[in-house]
Amino acid sequence: MAKIVSYKRGRKTQKMNQAIASIEKVSNREEAGKYIGKRVEIAFSKTSIKGVVVKPHGNRGKVVIRFRRGLPGQAMNREIKLD
């Protein structure tokens, strides 16, 4: 399981279709690199949004996930499924 922490963003912009996620029991960049290419899915009541892990983010085991469409604000701090 993983949790969405934040949108990928810069100082003045944020990318709604990319998110930074924290994966359970992953604590460094090398372990996070093993998840590149894995498919993810976040489920809401009626719909689900699918995405792919693109790259590691930082040195603490977080990853960047690119989704097919933009995420709503309710997706923050929500659990996602890793396939």
C-alpha atoms as a PDB file:
ATOM      1  CA  MET A   1       0.000   0.000   0.000  1.00  0.00           C
ATOM      2  CA  ALA A   2       1.009   3.575  -0.598  1.00  0.00           C
ATOM      3  CA  LYS A   3      -0.341   6.998   0.331  1.00  0.00           C
ATOM      4  CA  ILE A   4      -0.483  10.134  -1.777  1.00  0.00           C
ATOM      5  CA  VAL A   5       1.445  12.889  -0.033  1.00  0.00           C
ATOM      6  CA  SER A   6       1.263  15.810  -2.463  1.00  0.00           C
ATOM      7  CA  TYR A   7       0.946  16.913  -6.046  1.00  0.00           C
ATOM      8  CA  LYS A   8       4.209  17.273  -7.955  1.00  0.00           C
ATOM      9  CA  ARG A   9       4.749  21.001  -7.898  1.00  0.00           C
ATOM     10  CA  GLY A  10       7.081  23.899  -8.337  1.00  0.00           C
ATOM     11  CA  ARG A  11       7.184  27.213  -6.575  1.00  0.00           C
ATOM     12  CA  LYS A  12       4.252  28.701  -8.465  1.00  0.00           C
ATOM     13  CA  THR A  13       2.654  25.749 -10.280  1.00  0.00           C
ATOM     14  CA  GLN A  14       1.394  22.281  -9.535  1.00  0.00           C
ATOM     15  CA  LYS A  15       0.809  19.340 -11.863  1.00  0.00           C
ATOM     16  CA  MET A  16      -2.592  17.855 -11.202  1.00  0.00           C
ATOM     17  CA  ASN A  17      -1.892  14.586 -13.033  1.00  0.00           C
ATOM     18  CA  GLN A  18       1.329  13.814 -11.131  1.00  0.00           C
ATOM     19  CA  ALA A  19       1.556  12.975  -7.449  1.00  0.00           C
ATOM     20  CA  ILE A  20       4.235  12.166  -4.897  1.00  0.00           C
ATOM     21  CA  ALA A  21       3.492   9.006  -2.923  1.00  0.00           C
ATOM     22  CA  SER A  22       5.009   7.320   0.080  1.00  0.00           C
ATOM     23  CA  ILE A  23       5.203   3.510  -0.038  1.00  0.00           C
ATOM     24  CA  GLU A  24       5.069   1.439   3.145  1.00  0.00           C
ATOM     25  CA  LYS A  25       8.360  -0.166   4.246  1.00  0.00           C
ATOM     26  CA  VAL A  26      10.408   1.738   1.639  1.00  0.00           C
ATOM     27  CA  SER A  27      13.005   3.989   3.212  1.00  0.00           C
ATOM     28  CA  ASN A  28      15.594   4.874   0.555  1.00  0.00           C
ATOM     29  CA  ARG A  29      15.982   5.745  -3.117  1.00  0.00           C
ATOM     30  CA  GLU A  30      17.281   2.320  -4.207  1.00  0.00           C
ATOM     31  CA  GLU A  31      14.259   0.485  -2.789  1.00  0.00           C
ATOM     32  CA  ALA A  32      11.905   3.028  -4.388  1.00  0.00           C
ATOM     33  CA  GLY A  33      13.577   2.449  -7.755  1.00  0.00           C
ATOM     34  CA  LYS A  34      12.271  -1.131  -7.770  1.00  0.00           C
ATOM     35  CA  TYR A  35       8.713   0.184  -8.133  1.00  0.00           C
ATOM     36  CA  ILE A  36       9.323   2.067 -11.407  1.00  0.00           C
ATOM     37  CA  GLY A  37       6.859   0.897 -14.058  1.00  0.00           C
ATOM     38  CA  LYS A  38       4.374  -0.572 -11.562  1.00  0.00           C
ATOM     39  CA  ARG A  39       0.732   0.238 -12.177  1.00  0.00           C
ATOM     40  CA  VAL A  40      -1.335   1.937  -9.482  1.00  0.00           C
ATOM     41  CA  GLU A  41      -5.030   2.589  -8.988  1.00  0.00           C
ATOM     42  CA  ILE A  42      -6.878   4.951  -6.699  1.00  0.00           C
ATOM     43  CA  ALA A  43     -10.536   4.082  -6.176  1.00  0.00           C
ATOM     44  CA  PHE A  44     -13.326   6.489  -5.391  1.00  0.00           C
ATOM     45  CA  SER A  45     -16.991   5.630  -4.833  1.00  0.00           C
ATOM     46  CA  LYS A  46     -17.953   5.326  -8.516  1.00  0.00           C
ATOM     47  CA  THR A  47     -14.732   5.746 -10.483  1.00  0.00           C
ATOM     48  CA  SER A  48     -11.083   4.885 -10.323  1.00  0.00           C
ATOM     49  CA  ILE A  49      -8.030   6.629 -11.727  1.00  0.00           C
ATOM     50  CA  LYS A  50      -5.076   4.589 -12.995  1.00  0.00           C
ATOM     51  CA  GLY A  51      -1.454   5.601 -13.164  1.00  0.00           C
ATOM     52  CA  VAL A  52       2.159   4.448 -13.387  1.00  0.00           C
ATOM     53  CA  VAL A  53       5.133   4.928 -11.076  1.00  0.00           C
ATOM     54  CA  VAL A  54       7.572   7.061 -13.069  1.00  0.00           C
ATOM     55  CA  LYS A  55      10.626   7.755 -10.887  1.00  0.00           C
ATOM     56  CA  PRO A  56      11.892   8.024  -7.318  1.00  0.00           C
ATOM     57  CA  HIS A  57      11.541  11.366  -5.542  1.00  0.00           C
ATOM     58  CA  GLY A  58      14.201  12.374  -3.034  1.00  0.00           C
ATOM     59  CA  ASN A  59      16.304  10.083  -0.868  1.00  0.00           C
ATOM     60  CA  ARG A  60      13.621   8.924   1.608  1.00  0.00           C
ATOM     61  CA  GLY A  61      11.790   6.388  -0.565  1.00  0.00           C
ATOM     62  CA  LYS A  62       9.023   8.462  -2.113  1.00  0.00           C
ATOM     63  CA  VAL A  63       7.992   8.025  -5.766  1.00  0.00           C
ATOM     64  CA  VAL A  64       6.379  10.140  -8.493  1.00  0.00           C
ATOM     65  CA  ILE A  65       3.217   8.683 -10.026  1.00  0.00           C
ATOM     66  CA  ARG A  66       1.784   9.945 -13.322  1.00  0.00           C
ATOM     67  CA  PHE A  67      -1.977   9.483 -13.685  1.00  0.00           C
ATOM     68  CA  ARG A  68      -4.042   9.444 -16.869  1.00  0.00           C
ATOM     69  CA  ARG A  69      -6.138  12.389 -15.718  1.00  0.00           C
ATOM     70  CA  GLY A  70      -5.924  14.960 -12.969  1.00  0.00           C
ATOM     71  CA  LEU A  71      -6.460  14.010  -9.354  1.00  0.00           C
ATOM     72  CA  PRO A  72      -9.062  15.742  -7.207  1.00  0.00           C
ATOM     73  CA  GLY A  73      -8.061  17.316  -3.919  1.00  0.00           C
ATOM     74  CA  GLN A  74      -9.775  14.498  -1.999  1.00  0.00           C
ATOM     75  CA  ALA A  75      -7.018  12.160  -3.197  1.00  0.00           C
ATOM     76  CA  MET A  76      -4.475  13.630  -0.789  1.00  0.00           C
ATOM     77  CA  ASN A  77      -3.540  11.291   2.077  1.00  0.00           C
ATOM     78  CA  ARG A  78      -5.603   8.487   0.528  1.00  0.00           C
ATOM     79  CA  GLU A  79      -4.338   4.927   0.076  1.00  0.00           C
ATOM     80  CA  ILE A  80      -3.671   3.559  -3.397  1.00  0.00           C
ATOM     81  CA  LYS A  81      -3.242   0.001  -4.679  1.00  0.00           C
ATOM     82  CA  LEU A  82       0.039  -1.099  -6.233  1.00  0.00           C
ATOM     83  CA  ASP A  83      -0.146  -3.919  -8.787  1.00  0.00           C
END
